[in-house]
Amino acid sequence: MECLNIFLLGTPGCGKSEIFRRLNKRLAEEGMASQVQRVDDFPKLWNIFQTDTEEKRSRKTDDGGYKVTDPTVWNDILKELNSDILELQQECDVLFIEFSRPNYLESIADNFSDEILQNGLALYIYAPFDVCWQRNVKRHEEALEEGQDDHLVSREEMEETYAEDDHKELDEGLDMPVHIVDNSVNDLSQLDEQIEQIVEKIKQNFDL
């Protein structure tokens, strides 16, 4: 059985982690996934922020976040992620791949191997920009209160990089099933029905 590669896409703060937790739980309950892996490109991006002391590829912002200044960063870290995934998918039956970009079609086509894409499902989690920003700040403040070394996606980065994206083109532009999740309100109970829709789509399209 091939590993199912689930792409979790959407603006920082849209709720990708929440969708992961709920979907992972339902797949386990259905007996569809016993070995699950999750990869996120942010640790690679964070490493650039922390080691780029001369600010050649990124810089700090006034609100305590970071701004990528070298656009090649975005593809470089996805190519690294692709290599990680090729190794990990040999050991699991579901692998969640999480990242945010303004250009998902190009990012996926240019950086991920056919071996990954041929058994892929794209989940785009939608929330309005202002809602994403508020969640992003709240998550950051709560982490700081708990003494965690959390990051903030700066307002500047949010506006310049994530204010608009190509999610409306995913259904026709990707050669894999696509599902748009509406997470525009803060009532998490409304996600239950959408999770069930995703589970049914997986049953219809993949052999788990």
N, C-alpha and C. Protein backbone atom coordinates (compact mmCIF):
# COMPACT_ATOMS: atom_id res chain seq x y z
N MET A 1 0.84 -1.20 0.00
CA MET A 1 0.00 0.00 0.00
C MET A 1 0.87 1.25 0.00
N GLU A 2 0.59 2.17 -0.91
CA GLU A 2 1.35 3.41 -0.97
C GLU A 2 0.91 4.36 0.13
N CYS A 3 1.84 5.19 0.54
CA CYS A 3 1.54 6.21 1.54
C CYS A 3 0.65 7.29 0.92
N LEU A 4 -0.40 7.68 1.64
CA LEU A 4 -1.24 8.80 1.22
C LEU A 4 -0.59 10.08 1.71
N ASN A 5 -0.28 10.98 0.79
CA ASN A 5 0.37 12.25 1.13
C ASN A 5 -0.68 13.36 1.13
N ILE A 6 -1.02 13.86 2.30
CA ILE A 6 -2.05 14.88 2.45
C ILE A 6 -1.39 16.24 2.62
N PHE A 7 -1.57 17.12 1.64
CA PHE A 7 -1.03 18.47 1.71
C PHE A 7 -1.99 19.35 2.50
N LEU A 8 -1.52 19.93 3.59
CA LEU A 8 -2.29 20.88 4.40
C LEU A 8 -1.81 22.28 4.03
N LEU A 9 -2.67 23.03 3.35
CA LEU A 9 -2.29 24.32 2.79
C LEU A 9 -3.17 25.43 3.36
N GLY A 10 -2.63 26.63 3.44
CA GLY A 10 -3.42 27.76 3.89
C GLY A 10 -2.58 28.79 4.61
N THR A 11 -3.11 29.98 4.70
CA THR A 11 -2.44 31.12 5.34
C THR A 11 -2.08 30.80 6.80
N PRO A 12 -0.93 31.27 7.29
CA PRO A 12 -0.62 31.08 8.71
C PRO A 12 -1.77 31.55 9.59
N GLY A 13 -2.22 30.70 10.50
CA GLY A 13 -3.34 31.04 11.36
C GLY A 13 -4.68 30.54 10.85
N CYS A 14 -4.69 29.87 9.68
CA CYS A 14 -5.97 29.40 9.12
C CYS A 14 -6.52 28.19 9.86
N GLY A 15 -5.66 27.42 10.54
CA GLY A 15 -6.14 26.27 11.29
C GLY A 15 -5.64 24.93 10.78
N LYS A 16 -4.48 24.92 10.14
CA LYS A 16 -3.94 23.66 9.62
C LYS A 16 -3.71 22.63 10.72
N SER A 17 -3.19 23.08 11.85
CA SER A 17 -2.92 22.16 12.95
C SER A 17 -4.20 21.56 13.50
N GLU A 18 -5.25 22.36 13.58
CA GLU A 18 -6.53 21.85 14.07
C GLU A 18 -7.10 20.80 13.12
N ILE A 19 -7.01 21.06 11.83
CA ILE A 19 -7.49 20.08 10.84
C ILE A 19 -6.67 18.80 10.94
N PHE A 20 -5.37 18.92 11.12
CA PHE A 20 -4.54 17.74 11.28
C PHE A 20 -5.00 16.90 12.48
N ARG A 21 -5.20 17.54 13.61
CA ARG A 21 -5.58 16.80 14.82
C ARG A 21 -6.91 16.07 14.63
N ARG A 22 -7.88 16.76 14.07
CA ARG A 22 -9.20 16.16 13.91
C ARG A 22 -9.21 15.07 12.84
N LEU A 23 -8.55 15.32 11.73
CA LEU A 23 -8.54 14.32 10.66
C LEU A 23 -7.72 13.11 11.06
N ASN A 24 -6.61 13.32 11.70
CA ASN A 24 -5.78 12.21 12.16
C ASN A 24 -6.58 11.31 13.12
N LYS A 25 -7.33 11.93 14.00
CA LYS A 25 -8.16 11.19 14.95
C LYS A 25 -9.21 10.36 14.22
N ARG A 26 -9.87 10.93 13.24
CA ARG A 26 -10.93 10.22 12.51
C ARG A 26 -10.35 9.09 11.67
N LEU A 27 -9.21 9.30 11.06
CA LEU A 27 -8.60 8.24 10.27
C LEU A 27 -8.23 7.05 11.16
N ALA A 28 -7.77 7.34 12.37
CA ALA A 28 -7.44 6.27 13.31
C ALA A 28 -8.71 5.53 13.73
N GLU A 29 -9.78 6.28 13.99
CA GLU A 29 -11.04 5.66 14.40
C GLU A 29 -11.61 4.76 13.31
N GLU A 30 -11.39 5.15 12.06
CA GLU A 30 -11.88 4.37 10.92
C GLU A 30 -10.95 3.21 10.57
N GLY A 31 -9.83 3.11 11.26
CA GLY A 31 -8.87 2.06 10.96
C GLY A 31 -8.16 2.27 9.64
N MET A 32 -8.08 3.53 9.20
CA MET A 32 -7.49 3.85 7.90
C MET A 32 -6.02 4.23 7.99
N ALA A 33 -5.54 4.51 9.20
CA ALA A 33 -4.15 4.95 9.34
C ALA A 33 -3.62 4.55 10.71
N SER A 34 -2.64 3.70 10.73
CA SER A 34 -2.02 3.31 11.99
C SER A 34 -0.64 3.94 12.14
N GLN A 35 0.01 4.21 11.02
CA GLN A 35 1.32 4.85 11.04
C GLN A 35 1.23 6.19 10.31
N VAL A 36 1.31 7.27 11.07
CA VAL A 36 1.11 8.62 10.53
C VAL A 36 2.34 9.48 10.82
N GLN A 37 2.75 10.25 9.83
CA GLN A 37 3.84 11.21 9.99
C GLN A 37 3.32 12.59 9.61
N ARG A 38 3.92 13.61 10.18
CA ARG A 38 3.56 15.00 9.84
C ARG A 38 4.83 15.80 9.66
N VAL A 39 4.94 16.49 8.53
CA VAL A 39 6.10 17.34 8.29
C VAL A 39 5.64 18.76 8.00
N ASP A 40 6.44 19.71 8.41
CA ASP A 40 6.13 21.13 8.32
C ASP A 40 7.39 21.83 7.86
N ASP A 41 7.28 22.74 6.93
CA ASP A 41 8.48 23.42 6.44
C ASP A 41 8.97 24.50 7.40
N PHE A 42 8.19 24.83 8.44
CA PHE A 42 8.59 25.96 9.28
C PHE A 42 9.90 25.74 10.03
N PRO A 43 10.17 24.54 10.57
CA PRO A 43 11.47 24.37 11.25
C PRO A 43 12.65 24.73 10.36
N LYS A 44 12.55 24.45 9.07
CA LYS A 44 13.64 24.80 8.15
C LYS A 44 13.71 26.31 7.96
N LEU A 45 12.54 26.95 7.89
CA LEU A 45 12.50 28.40 7.77
C LEU A 45 13.02 29.06 9.05
N TRP A 46 12.62 28.51 10.20
CA TRP A 46 13.07 29.06 11.48
C TRP A 46 14.58 28.96 11.62
N ASN A 47 15.15 27.87 11.13
CA ASN A 47 16.60 27.71 11.18
C ASN A 47 17.30 28.81 10.38
N ILE A 48 16.72 29.18 9.24
CA ILE A 48 17.29 30.28 8.46
C ILE A 48 17.21 31.58 9.25
N PHE A 49 16.06 31.83 9.88
CA PHE A 49 15.90 33.04 10.69
C PHE A 49 16.95 33.12 11.79
N GLN A 50 17.23 31.98 12.43
CA GLN A 50 18.12 31.97 13.58
C GLN A 50 19.60 32.00 13.20
N THR A 51 19.93 31.49 12.03
CA THR A 51 21.35 31.41 11.64
C THR A 51 21.77 32.53 10.68
N ASP A 52 20.82 33.23 10.11
CA ASP A 52 21.11 34.28 9.14
C ASP A 52 21.44 35.58 9.87
N THR A 53 22.51 35.56 10.63
CA THR A 53 22.86 36.71 11.47
C THR A 53 23.23 37.95 10.66
N GLU A 54 23.67 37.75 9.42
CA GLU A 54 24.02 38.89 8.57
C GLU A 54 22.83 39.37 7.75
N GLU A 55 21.68 38.75 7.97
CA GLU A 55 20.43 39.12 7.30
C GLU A 55 20.57 39.15 5.78
N LYS A 56 21.16 38.09 5.25
CA LYS A 56 21.28 37.98 3.79
C LYS A 56 20.01 37.42 3.14
N ARG A 57 19.23 36.65 3.90
CA ARG A 57 18.05 36.02 3.34
C ARG A 57 16.77 36.40 4.08
N SER A 58 16.92 37.00 5.24
CA SER A 58 15.76 37.40 6.05
C SER A 58 16.17 38.51 6.99
N ARG A 59 15.18 39.13 7.62
CA ARG A 59 15.47 40.16 8.61
C ARG A 59 14.38 40.18 9.66
N LYS A 60 14.72 40.70 10.83
CA LYS A 60 13.74 40.85 11.89
C LYS A 60 12.83 42.04 11.58
N THR A 61 11.61 41.98 12.10
CA THR A 61 10.66 43.08 11.93
C THR A 61 10.38 43.74 13.27
N ASP A 62 9.81 44.93 13.23
CA ASP A 62 9.60 45.70 14.45
C ASP A 62 8.64 45.03 15.43
N ASP A 63 7.74 44.17 14.93
CA ASP A 63 6.76 43.54 15.81
C ASP A 63 7.26 42.23 16.42
N GLY A 64 8.54 41.92 16.22
CA GLY A 64 9.11 40.73 16.82
C GLY A 64 9.10 39.51 15.93
N GLY A 65 8.66 39.66 14.68
CA GLY A 65 8.65 38.55 13.74
C GLY A 65 9.82 38.62 12.78
N TYR A 66 9.66 37.94 11.64
CA TYR A 66 10.70 37.91 10.63
C TYR A 66 10.09 38.12 9.26
N LYS A 67 10.92 38.60 8.33
CA LYS A 67 10.51 38.81 6.94
C LYS A 67 11.55 38.17 6.04
N VAL A 68 11.11 37.29 5.15
CA VAL A 68 12.01 36.71 4.16
C VAL A 68 12.33 37.77 3.11
N THR A 69 13.62 37.99 2.84
CA THR A 69 14.03 38.99 1.86
C THR A 69 14.61 38.36 0.59
N ASP A 70 14.96 37.08 0.67
CA ASP A 70 15.47 36.36 -0.49
C ASP A 70 14.41 35.35 -0.93
N PRO A 71 13.70 35.61 -2.04
CA PRO A 71 12.59 34.74 -2.45
C PRO A 71 12.98 33.31 -2.77
N THR A 72 14.27 33.04 -3.00
CA THR A 72 14.67 31.66 -3.29
C THR A 72 14.53 30.77 -2.06
N VAL A 73 14.40 31.39 -0.89
CA VAL A 73 14.21 30.63 0.36
C VAL A 73 13.00 29.70 0.24
N TRP A 74 11.91 30.20 -0.33
CA TRP A 74 10.66 29.45 -0.33
C TRP A 74 10.78 28.11 -1.05
N ASN A 75 11.41 28.11 -2.23
CA ASN A 75 11.58 26.86 -2.95
C ASN A 75 12.68 25.99 -2.36
N ASP A 76 13.72 26.61 -1.85
CA ASP A 76 14.83 25.85 -1.27
C ASP A 76 14.34 24.95 -0.13
N ILE A 77 13.52 25.49 0.76
CA ILE A 77 13.10 24.68 1.90
C ILE A 77 12.07 23.63 1.50
N LEU A 78 11.29 23.89 0.45
CA LEU A 78 10.36 22.85 -0.02
C LEU A 78 11.11 21.71 -0.69
N LYS A 79 12.20 22.01 -1.38
CA LYS A 79 13.01 20.95 -1.97
C LYS A 79 13.63 20.07 -0.87
N GLU A 80 14.06 20.70 0.22
CA GLU A 80 14.56 19.93 1.35
C GLU A 80 13.45 19.08 1.95
N LEU A 81 12.27 19.65 2.03
CA LEU A 81 11.12 18.92 2.58
C LEU A 81 10.79 17.72 1.70
N ASN A 82 10.88 17.89 0.39
CA ASN A 82 10.62 16.81 -0.54
C ASN A 82 11.54 15.61 -0.26
N SER A 83 12.81 15.88 -0.02
CA SER A 83 13.76 14.81 0.28
C SER A 83 13.39 14.09 1.58
N ASP A 84 12.97 14.86 2.58
CA ASP A 84 12.55 14.26 3.85
C ASP A 84 11.34 13.35 3.63
N ILE A 85 10.40 13.82 2.82
CA ILE A 85 9.16 13.07 2.60
C ILE A 85 9.44 11.75 1.89
N LEU A 86 10.32 11.76 0.93
CA LEU A 86 10.63 10.54 0.19
C LEU A 86 11.14 9.44 1.11
N GLU A 87 11.83 9.83 2.16
CA GLU A 87 12.30 8.85 3.14
C GLU A 87 11.18 8.44 4.09
N LEU A 88 10.42 9.41 4.56
CA LEU A 88 9.41 9.14 5.57
C LEU A 88 8.25 8.31 5.03
N GLN A 89 7.88 8.51 3.75
CA GLN A 89 6.69 7.83 3.25
C GLN A 89 6.90 6.32 3.10
N GLN A 90 8.13 5.86 3.24
CA GLN A 90 8.39 4.43 3.23
C GLN A 90 7.98 3.79 4.55
N GLU A 91 7.75 4.63 5.56
CA GLU A 91 7.50 4.11 6.91
C GLU A 91 6.10 4.41 7.42
N CYS A 92 5.21 4.91 6.59
CA CYS A 92 3.88 5.28 7.09
C CYS A 92 2.82 5.06 6.02
N ASP A 93 1.55 5.05 6.45
CA ASP A 93 0.48 4.94 5.48
C ASP A 93 -0.23 6.28 5.23
N VAL A 94 -0.02 7.26 6.11
CA VAL A 94 -0.50 8.62 5.85
C VAL A 94 0.57 9.60 6.29
N LEU A 95 0.87 10.56 5.42
CA LEU A 95 1.88 11.58 5.72
C LEU A 95 1.27 12.96 5.45
N PHE A 96 1.21 13.79 6.48
CA PHE A 96 0.69 15.15 6.35
C PHE A 96 1.83 16.10 6.02
N ILE A 97 1.64 16.94 4.99
CA ILE A 97 2.67 17.87 4.52
C ILE A 97 2.11 19.28 4.65
N GLU A 98 2.66 20.07 5.54
CA GLU A 98 2.06 21.35 5.91
C GLU A 98 2.95 22.53 5.52
N PHE A 99 2.38 23.48 4.76
CA PHE A 99 3.10 24.72 4.48
C PHE A 99 2.14 25.79 3.97
N SER A 100 2.63 27.03 3.96
CA SER A 100 1.88 28.19 3.47
C SER A 100 2.66 28.87 2.36
N ARG A 101 1.97 29.23 1.29
CA ARG A 101 2.58 29.95 0.18
C ARG A 101 1.50 30.78 -0.53
N PRO A 102 1.90 31.80 -1.29
CA PRO A 102 0.91 32.51 -2.10
C PRO A 102 0.66 31.80 -3.44
N ASN A 103 1.60 30.95 -3.86
CA ASN A 103 1.54 30.31 -5.18
C ASN A 103 1.62 28.78 -5.03
N TYR A 104 0.53 28.17 -4.62
CA TYR A 104 0.56 26.74 -4.33
C TYR A 104 0.78 25.89 -5.57
N LEU A 105 0.17 26.26 -6.69
CA LEU A 105 0.34 25.46 -7.90
C LEU A 105 1.81 25.38 -8.30
N GLU A 106 2.46 26.51 -8.35
CA GLU A 106 3.87 26.55 -8.72
C GLU A 106 4.73 25.87 -7.66
N SER A 107 4.44 26.11 -6.40
CA SER A 107 5.25 25.55 -5.32
C SER A 107 5.19 24.03 -5.33
N ILE A 108 4.03 23.47 -5.57
CA ILE A 108 3.88 22.02 -5.57
C ILE A 108 4.50 21.41 -6.82
N ALA A 109 4.23 22.01 -7.97
CA ALA A 109 4.75 21.46 -9.23
C ALA A 109 6.27 21.52 -9.32
N ASP A 110 6.87 22.58 -8.79
CA ASP A 110 8.31 22.79 -8.94
C ASP A 110 9.16 22.05 -7.90
N ASN A 111 8.55 21.62 -6.81
CA ASN A 111 9.37 21.15 -5.69
C ASN A 111 9.08 19.74 -5.19
N PHE A 112 7.99 19.13 -5.64
CA PHE A 112 7.64 17.82 -5.13
C PHE A 112 7.68 16.76 -6.22
N SER A 113 8.22 15.61 -5.87
CA SER A 113 8.42 14.51 -6.82
C SER A 113 7.10 13.87 -7.22
N ASP A 114 7.09 13.30 -8.43
CA ASP A 114 5.90 12.59 -8.91
C ASP A 114 5.53 11.46 -7.96
N GLU A 115 6.52 10.85 -7.35
CA GLU A 115 6.28 9.76 -6.40
C GLU A 115 5.41 10.22 -5.23
N ILE A 116 5.52 11.49 -4.88
CA ILE A 116 4.72 12.05 -3.81
C ILE A 116 3.36 12.51 -4.33
N LEU A 117 3.36 13.16 -5.47
CA LEU A 117 2.14 13.76 -6.01
C LEU A 117 1.12 12.73 -6.50
N GLN A 118 1.61 11.58 -6.99
CA GLN A 118 0.69 10.61 -7.59
C GLN A 118 -0.25 9.98 -6.56
N ASN A 119 0.09 10.08 -5.30
CA ASN A 119 -0.80 9.58 -4.26
C ASN A 119 -1.09 10.70 -3.26
N GLY A 120 -1.44 11.87 -3.82
CA GLY A 120 -1.61 13.06 -3.00
C GLY A 120 -3.05 13.53 -2.92
N LEU A 121 -3.36 14.21 -1.83
CA LEU A 121 -4.63 14.88 -1.60
C LEU A 121 -4.33 16.27 -1.07
N ALA A 122 -4.92 17.29 -1.67
CA ALA A 122 -4.68 18.67 -1.24
C ALA A 122 -5.86 19.18 -0.43
N LEU A 123 -5.60 19.61 0.79
CA LEU A 123 -6.60 20.24 1.64
C LEU A 123 -6.20 21.70 1.85
N TYR A 124 -7.02 22.61 1.37
CA TYR A 124 -6.77 24.03 1.59
C TYR A 124 -7.72 24.51 2.67
N ILE A 125 -7.18 25.07 3.74
CA ILE A 125 -8.00 25.54 4.85
C ILE A 125 -8.18 27.04 4.70
N TYR A 126 -9.41 27.46 4.49
CA TYR A 126 -9.70 28.87 4.23
C TYR A 126 -10.14 29.59 5.50
N ALA A 127 -9.59 30.77 5.71
CA ALA A 127 -10.06 31.71 6.71
C ALA A 127 -9.69 33.11 6.20
N PRO A 128 -10.53 34.12 6.45
CA PRO A 128 -10.22 35.48 6.01
C PRO A 128 -8.88 35.96 6.58
N PHE A 129 -8.24 36.84 5.86
CA PHE A 129 -6.91 37.31 6.25
C PHE A 129 -6.90 37.86 7.67
N ASP A 130 -7.86 38.73 8.02
CA ASP A 130 -7.85 39.35 9.35
C ASP A 130 -8.05 38.31 10.45
N VAL A 131 -8.84 37.28 10.17
CA VAL A 131 -9.03 36.20 11.14
C VAL A 131 -7.72 35.45 11.35
N CYS A 132 -7.02 35.16 10.25
CA CYS A 132 -5.72 34.48 10.34
C CYS A 132 -4.73 35.30 11.15
N TRP A 133 -4.71 36.61 10.91
CA TRP A 133 -3.78 37.47 11.64
C TRP A 133 -4.08 37.45 13.14
N GLN A 134 -5.36 37.57 13.49
CA GLN A 134 -5.74 37.57 14.90
C GLN A 134 -5.37 36.25 15.58
N ARG A 135 -5.59 35.14 14.89
CA ARG A 135 -5.23 33.84 15.44
C ARG A 135 -3.71 33.72 15.59
N ASN A 136 -3.00 34.24 14.62
CA ASN A 136 -1.54 34.19 14.64
C ASN A 136 -0.99 34.93 15.86
N VAL A 137 -1.52 36.12 16.12
CA VAL A 137 -1.08 36.92 17.27
C VAL A 137 -1.47 36.23 18.57
N LYS A 138 -2.70 35.72 18.65
CA LYS A 138 -3.17 35.04 19.86
C LYS A 138 -2.31 33.83 20.18
N ARG A 139 -2.00 33.03 19.16
CA ARG A 139 -1.16 31.85 19.36
C ARG A 139 0.22 32.25 19.89
N HIS A 140 0.77 33.31 19.33
CA HIS A 140 2.08 33.80 19.74
C HIS A 140 2.05 34.27 21.19
N GLU A 141 1.05 35.06 21.55
CA GLU A 141 0.97 35.60 22.91
C GLU A 141 0.75 34.49 23.94
N GLU A 142 -0.09 33.51 23.60
CA GLU A 142 -0.33 32.40 24.53
C GLU A 142 0.93 31.58 24.74
N ALA A 143 1.69 31.38 23.66
CA ALA A 143 2.94 30.61 23.79
C ALA A 143 3.94 31.35 24.67
N LEU A 144 4.04 32.66 24.50
CA LEU A 144 4.97 33.44 25.31
C LEU A 144 4.58 33.40 26.79
N GLU A 145 3.27 33.45 27.07
CA GLU A 145 2.80 33.39 28.44
C GLU A 145 3.16 32.06 29.10
N GLU A 146 3.22 31.00 28.28
CA GLU A 146 3.56 29.68 28.79
C GLU A 146 5.07 29.44 28.80
N GLY A 147 5.83 30.47 28.42
CA GLY A 147 7.28 30.36 28.44
C GLY A 147 7.87 29.60 27.26
N GLN A 148 7.11 29.47 26.19
CA GLN A 148 7.60 28.77 25.01
C GLN A 148 8.28 29.73 24.05
N ASP A 149 9.27 29.22 23.32
CA ASP A 149 10.01 30.02 22.33
C ASP A 149 9.25 29.97 21.02
N ASP A 150 8.14 30.67 20.97
CA ASP A 150 7.28 30.64 19.80
C ASP A 150 7.65 31.75 18.83
N HIS A 151 7.23 31.60 17.58
CA HIS A 151 7.51 32.60 16.56
C HIS A 151 6.26 33.39 16.22
N LEU A 152 6.46 34.55 15.67
CA LEU A 152 5.36 35.36 15.15
C LEU A 152 5.59 35.58 13.67
N VAL A 153 4.59 35.25 12.87
CA VAL A 153 4.65 35.64 11.46
C VAL A 153 4.29 37.12 11.43
N SER A 154 5.25 37.94 11.06
CA SER A 154 5.06 39.39 11.18
C SER A 154 3.91 39.88 10.32
N ARG A 155 3.36 41.01 10.73
CA ARG A 155 2.28 41.62 9.94
C ARG A 155 2.78 41.95 8.53
N GLU A 156 4.02 42.40 8.44
CA GLU A 156 4.59 42.74 7.13
C GLU A 156 4.65 41.50 6.24
N GLU A 157 5.11 40.37 6.79
CA GLU A 157 5.17 39.14 6.01
C GLU A 157 3.76 38.66 5.66
N MET A 158 2.85 38.74 6.59
CA MET A 158 1.47 38.32 6.33
C MET A 158 0.87 39.11 5.17
N GLU A 159 1.07 40.43 5.19
CA GLU A 159 0.46 41.27 4.16
C GLU A 159 1.13 41.09 2.80
N GLU A 160 2.46 41.02 2.79
CA GLU A 160 3.18 40.96 1.51
C GLU A 160 3.18 39.56 0.90
N THR A 161 3.18 38.53 1.73
CA THR A 161 3.31 37.18 1.21
C THR A 161 2.00 36.41 1.17
N TYR A 162 1.14 36.61 2.16
CA TYR A 162 -0.01 35.72 2.30
C TYR A 162 -1.37 36.39 2.12
N ALA A 163 -1.42 37.67 1.82
CA ALA A 163 -2.71 38.35 1.70
C ALA A 163 -3.57 37.75 0.59
N GLU A 164 -2.93 37.28 -0.47
CA GLU A 164 -3.65 36.65 -1.58
C GLU A 164 -2.91 35.39 -2.01
N ASP A 165 -3.66 34.40 -2.47
CA ASP A 165 -3.03 33.19 -2.99
C ASP A 165 -3.88 32.62 -4.12
N ASP A 166 -3.47 31.48 -4.65
CA ASP A 166 -4.12 30.90 -5.83
C ASP A 166 -5.00 29.69 -5.49
N HIS A 167 -5.59 29.67 -4.27
CA HIS A 167 -6.34 28.49 -3.86
C HIS A 167 -7.56 28.20 -4.73
N LYS A 168 -8.12 29.24 -5.36
CA LYS A 168 -9.29 29.02 -6.21
C LYS A 168 -8.93 28.26 -7.49
N GLU A 169 -7.64 28.19 -7.80
CA GLU A 169 -7.20 27.48 -9.00
C GLU A 169 -6.75 26.05 -8.72
N LEU A 170 -6.74 25.65 -7.46
CA LEU A 170 -6.19 24.34 -7.11
C LEU A 170 -6.97 23.19 -7.73
N ASP A 171 -8.29 23.28 -7.72
CA ASP A 171 -9.10 22.16 -8.19
C ASP A 171 -8.81 21.81 -9.64
N GLU A 172 -8.65 22.82 -10.48
CA GLU A 172 -8.35 22.57 -11.89
C GLU A 172 -6.86 22.44 -12.15
N GLY A 173 -6.03 23.04 -11.32
CA GLY A 173 -4.60 23.09 -11.59
C GLY A 173 -3.79 21.93 -11.05
N LEU A 174 -4.33 21.20 -10.08
CA LEU A 174 -3.59 20.08 -9.49
C LEU A 174 -4.13 18.75 -10.00
N ASP A 175 -3.23 17.84 -10.27
CA ASP A 175 -3.61 16.50 -10.72
C ASP A 175 -3.75 15.58 -9.51
N MET A 176 -4.62 15.99 -8.59
CA MET A 176 -4.92 15.20 -7.39
C MET A 176 -6.23 15.72 -6.84
N PRO A 177 -6.93 14.93 -6.03
CA PRO A 177 -8.15 15.44 -5.40
C PRO A 177 -7.86 16.66 -4.53
N VAL A 178 -8.81 17.61 -4.53
CA VAL A 178 -8.67 18.85 -3.76
C VAL A 178 -9.93 19.04 -2.93
N HIS A 179 -9.76 19.49 -1.69
CA HIS A 179 -10.91 19.80 -0.84
C HIS A 179 -10.64 21.12 -0.13
N ILE A 180 -11.60 22.04 -0.19
CA ILE A 180 -11.49 23.32 0.49
C ILE A 180 -12.24 23.25 1.81
N VAL A 181 -11.55 23.51 2.90
CA VAL A 181 -12.15 23.50 4.23
C VAL A 181 -12.43 24.94 4.65
N ASP A 182 -13.66 25.23 5.06
CA ASP A 182 -14.01 26.58 5.51
C ASP A 182 -13.83 26.65 7.03
N ASN A 183 -12.82 27.37 7.46
CA ASN A 183 -12.56 27.55 8.89
C ASN A 183 -12.57 29.04 9.22
N SER A 184 -13.57 29.73 8.68
CA SER A 184 -13.61 31.18 8.78
C SER A 184 -14.17 31.69 10.11
N VAL A 185 -14.78 30.81 10.90
CA VAL A 185 -15.30 31.23 12.20
C VAL A 185 -14.56 30.47 13.29
N ASN A 186 -14.67 30.96 14.51
CA ASN A 186 -13.93 30.36 15.61
C ASN A 186 -14.73 29.29 16.37
N ASP A 187 -15.80 28.80 15.76
CA ASP A 187 -16.58 27.70 16.33
C ASP A 187 -16.05 26.39 15.76
N LEU A 188 -15.19 25.71 16.52
CA LEU A 188 -14.52 24.53 16.00
C LEU A 188 -15.48 23.37 15.74
N SER A 189 -16.64 23.38 16.38
CA SER A 189 -17.60 22.29 16.17
C SER A 189 -18.08 22.23 14.73
N GLN A 190 -18.02 23.36 14.03
CA GLN A 190 -18.48 23.37 12.64
C GLN A 190 -17.54 22.61 11.72
N LEU A 191 -16.37 22.24 12.23
CA LEU A 191 -15.42 21.49 11.41
C LEU A 191 -15.77 20.00 11.30
N ASP A 192 -16.58 19.50 12.22
CA ASP A 192 -16.85 18.07 12.25
C ASP A 192 -17.43 17.55 10.94
N GLU A 193 -18.43 18.23 10.41
CA GLU A 193 -19.05 17.80 9.16
C GLU A 193 -18.03 17.84 8.01
N GLN A 194 -17.19 18.85 8.00
CA GLN A 194 -16.20 18.96 6.93
C GLN A 194 -15.15 17.85 7.03
N ILE A 195 -14.78 17.47 8.24
CA ILE A 195 -13.85 16.36 8.42
C ILE A 195 -14.46 15.08 7.87
N GLU A 196 -15.75 14.87 8.10
CA GLU A 196 -16.41 13.67 7.57
C GLU A 196 -16.40 13.67 6.04
N GLN A 197 -16.55 14.85 5.44
CA GLN A 197 -16.49 14.95 3.98
C GLN A 197 -15.11 14.56 3.46
N ILE A 198 -14.08 14.97 4.17
CA ILE A 198 -12.71 14.62 3.77
C ILE A 198 -12.49 13.11 3.89
N VAL A 199 -12.97 12.53 4.98
CA VAL A 199 -12.82 11.08 5.18
C VAL A 199 -13.49 10.33 4.03
N GLU A 200 -14.68 10.77 3.63
CA GLU A 200 -15.38 10.11 2.52
C GLU A 200 -14.61 10.28 1.21
N LYS A 201 -14.02 11.44 0.99
CA LYS A 201 -13.25 11.66 -0.22
C LYS A 201 -12.03 10.74 -0.24
N ILE A 202 -11.41 10.54 0.91
CA ILE A 202 -10.26 9.64 0.98
C ILE A 202 -10.71 8.21 0.66
N LYS A 203 -11.83 7.79 1.21
CA LYS A 203 -12.34 6.45 0.95
C LYS A 203 -12.62 6.24 -0.54
N GLN A 204 -13.12 7.28 -1.18
CA GLN A 204 -13.49 7.17 -2.60
C GLN A 204 -12.27 7.16 -3.52
N ASN A 205 -11.19 7.78 -3.11
CA ASN A 205 -10.05 7.98 -4.01
C ASN A 205 -8.80 7.19 -3.68
N PHE A 206 -8.72 6.64 -2.45
CA PHE A 206 -7.48 6.00 -2.04
C PHE A 206 -7.76 4.67 -1.36
N ASP A 207 -6.81 3.79 -1.44
CA ASP A 207 -6.91 2.46 -0.86
C ASP A 207 -6.14 2.42 0.45
N LEU A 208 -6.85 2.68 1.55
CA LEU A 208 -6.22 2.66 2.87
C LEU A 208 -6.77 1.50 3.69
